[in-house]
Amino acid sequence: MFSQSFQIPPCEYFSNTLIPNQHAAINNKIAEELSHANSVCVTLSALTQRPANITHFVITCHFMTNWRQRRALIACKRFYDKFTGEFG
């Protein structure tokens, strides 16, 4: 188990420090890897969770660096309007 002197940090530490720092570090790593890619494929997907009919639009990118296939999630946003997949 944990040492008795161990104290869990307050919630504010996670939301104001740890998560933003991790987010920035991951964004910097992705930007660095993308700067070495010769080409990038960007994909837009609409994902619907059933039975709640909650739809998210997801943007991902796929690329190769040093002969390794890489992928990254660029954005994931909830779509609040009715989404049927039909145009017009």
C-alpha atoms as a PDB file:
ATOM      1  CA  MET A   1       0.000   0.000   0.000  1.00  0.00           C
ATOM      2  CA  PHE A   2       0.909   3.668   0.111  1.00  0.00           C
ATOM      3  CA  SER A   3       3.121   5.194   2.742  1.00  0.00           C
ATOM      4  CA  GLN A   4       1.154   6.865   5.511  1.00  0.00           C
ATOM      5  CA  SER A   5       2.907  10.128   4.669  1.00  0.00           C
ATOM      6  CA  PHE A   6       1.521  10.052   1.105  1.00  0.00           C
ATOM      7  CA  GLN A   7      -1.201  12.605   0.496  1.00  0.00           C
ATOM      8  CA  ILE A   8      -3.387  12.709  -2.591  1.00  0.00           C
ATOM      9  CA  PRO A   9      -3.102  16.131  -4.259  1.00  0.00           C
ATOM     10  CA  PRO A  10      -6.246  18.280  -4.323  1.00  0.00           C
ATOM     11  CA  CYS A  11      -8.536  18.201  -7.370  1.00  0.00           C
ATOM     12  CA  GLU A  12      -7.337  21.667  -8.396  1.00  0.00           C
ATOM     13  CA  TYR A  13      -3.829  20.280  -8.922  1.00  0.00           C
ATOM     14  CA  PHE A  14      -5.110  17.800 -11.490  1.00  0.00           C
ATOM     15  CA  SER A  15      -7.415  20.229 -13.316  1.00  0.00           C
ATOM     16  CA  ASN A  16      -5.153  23.307 -13.172  1.00  0.00           C
ATOM     17  CA  THR A  17      -1.661  21.811 -13.376  1.00  0.00           C
ATOM     18  CA  LEU A  18      -1.251  18.132 -14.215  1.00  0.00           C
ATOM     19  CA  ILE A  19      -3.789  17.778 -17.036  1.00  0.00           C
ATOM     20  CA  PRO A  20      -2.901  21.078 -18.800  1.00  0.00           C
ATOM     21  CA  ASN A  21       0.820  20.217 -18.588  1.00  0.00           C
ATOM     22  CA  GLN A  22       0.229  16.741 -20.017  1.00  0.00           C
ATOM     23  CA  HIS A  23      -1.977  18.216 -22.758  1.00  0.00           C
ATOM     24  CA  ALA A  24       0.727  20.710 -23.746  1.00  0.00           C
ATOM     25  CA  ALA A  25       3.447  18.022 -23.714  1.00  0.00           C
ATOM     26  CA  ILE A  26       1.395  15.703 -25.934  1.00  0.00           C
ATOM     27  CA  ASN A  27       0.531  18.545 -28.346  1.00  0.00           C
ATOM     28  CA  ASN A  28       4.212  19.468 -28.609  1.00  0.00           C
ATOM     29  CA  LYS A  29       5.187  15.852 -29.271  1.00  0.00           C
ATOM     30  CA  ILE A  30       2.547  15.486 -32.001  1.00  0.00           C
ATOM     31  CA  ALA A  31       3.593  18.797 -33.592  1.00  0.00           C
ATOM     32  CA  GLU A  32       7.233  17.662 -33.585  1.00  0.00           C
ATOM     33  CA  GLU A  33       6.358  14.312 -35.196  1.00  0.00           C
ATOM     34  CA  LEU A  34       4.125  15.989 -37.791  1.00  0.00           C
ATOM     35  CA  SER A  35       6.944  18.356 -38.737  1.00  0.00           C
ATOM     36  CA  HIS A  36       8.940  15.314 -39.928  1.00  0.00           C
ATOM     37  CA  ALA A  37       6.091  13.707 -41.900  1.00  0.00           C
ATOM     38  CA  ASN A  38       6.179  13.919 -45.694  1.00  0.00           C
ATOM     39  CA  SER A  39       2.413  13.654 -45.957  1.00  0.00           C
ATOM     40  CA  VAL A  40      -0.569  13.461 -43.637  1.00  0.00           C
ATOM     41  CA  CYS A  41      -4.008  11.930 -44.115  1.00  0.00           C
ATOM     42  CA  VAL A  42      -6.796  13.644 -42.158  1.00  0.00           C
ATOM     43  CA  THR A  43     -10.031  11.810 -41.375  1.00  0.00           C
ATOM     44  CA  LEU A  44     -13.352  13.216 -40.141  1.00  0.00           C
ATOM     45  CA  SER A  45     -15.693  10.706 -38.524  1.00  0.00           C
ATOM     46  CA  ALA A  46     -19.125  10.965 -36.948  1.00  0.00           C
ATOM     47  CA  LEU A  47     -19.546   8.458 -34.147  1.00  0.00           C
ATOM     48  CA  THR A  48     -22.967   7.848 -32.614  1.00  0.00           C
ATOM     49  CA  GLN A  49     -23.436   6.165 -29.262  1.00  0.00           C
ATOM     50  CA  ARG A  50     -26.577   4.079 -29.091  1.00  0.00           C
ATOM     51  CA  PRO A  51     -29.167   4.005 -27.558  1.00  0.00           C
ATOM     52  CA  ALA A  52     -28.543   7.544 -26.280  1.00  0.00           C
ATOM     53  CA  ASN A  53     -28.025   8.943 -29.816  1.00  0.00           C
ATOM     54  CA  ILE A  54     -25.043  11.008 -28.673  1.00  0.00           C
ATOM     55  CA  THR A  55     -22.930  11.984 -31.679  1.00  0.00           C
ATOM     56  CA  HIS A  56     -19.301  13.074 -31.648  1.00  0.00           C
ATOM     57  CA  PHE A  57     -17.281  14.422 -34.559  1.00  0.00           C
ATOM     58  CA  VAL A  58     -13.738  13.133 -34.462  1.00  0.00           C
ATOM     59  CA  ILE A  59     -10.752  14.403 -36.450  1.00  0.00           C
ATOM     60  CA  THR A  60      -7.737  12.124 -36.651  1.00  0.00           C
ATOM     61  CA  CYS A  61      -4.563  12.228 -38.679  1.00  0.00           C
ATOM     62  CA  HIS A  62      -2.389   9.393 -39.935  1.00  0.00           C
ATOM     63  CA  PHE A  63       1.213   9.785 -41.038  1.00  0.00           C
ATOM     64  CA  MET A  64       4.568   8.033 -41.189  1.00  0.00           C
ATOM     65  CA  THR A  65       7.826   9.051 -39.545  1.00  0.00           C
ATOM     66  CA  ASN A  66      10.989   6.934 -39.647  1.00  0.00           C
ATOM     67  CA  TRP A  67       9.051   4.146 -41.360  1.00  0.00           C
ATOM     68  CA  ARG A  68       6.631   3.918 -38.451  1.00  0.00           C
ATOM     69  CA  GLN A  69       2.907   4.413 -38.934  1.00  0.00           C
ATOM     70  CA  ARG A  70       1.632   7.040 -36.526  1.00  0.00           C
ATOM     71  CA  ARG A  71      -1.818   8.437 -35.746  1.00  0.00           C
ATOM     72  CA  ALA A  72      -3.114  11.232 -33.573  1.00  0.00           C
ATOM     73  CA  LEU A  73      -6.469  12.444 -32.350  1.00  0.00           C
ATOM     74  CA  ILE A  74      -6.772  16.095 -33.328  1.00  0.00           C
ATOM     75  CA  ALA A  75     -10.258  16.858 -31.977  1.00  0.00           C
ATOM     76  CA  CYS A  76     -13.325  15.166 -30.544  1.00  0.00           C
ATOM     77  CA  LYS A  77     -16.384  17.355 -30.100  1.00  0.00           C
ATOM     78  CA  ARG A  78     -19.951  16.486 -29.207  1.00  0.00           C
ATOM     79  CA  PHE A  79     -22.539  17.400 -31.835  1.00  0.00           C
ATOM     80  CA  TYR A  80     -25.731  18.573 -30.126  1.00  0.00           C
ATOM     81  CA  ASP A  81     -28.048  18.975 -33.140  1.00  0.00           C
ATOM     82  CA  LYS A  82     -29.879  16.072 -34.719  1.00  0.00           C
ATOM     83  CA  PHE A  83     -27.488  14.173 -36.976  1.00  0.00           C
ATOM     84  CA  THR A  84     -28.926  11.837 -39.612  1.00  0.00           C
ATOM     85  CA  GLY A  85     -25.992  11.608 -42.003  1.00  0.00           C
ATOM     86  CA  GLU A  86     -28.161  13.021 -44.797  1.00  0.00           C
ATOM     87  CA  PHE A  87     -27.303  16.140 -46.757  1.00  0.00           C
ATOM     88  CA  GLY A  88     -29.739  18.724 -48.045  1.00  0.00           C
END
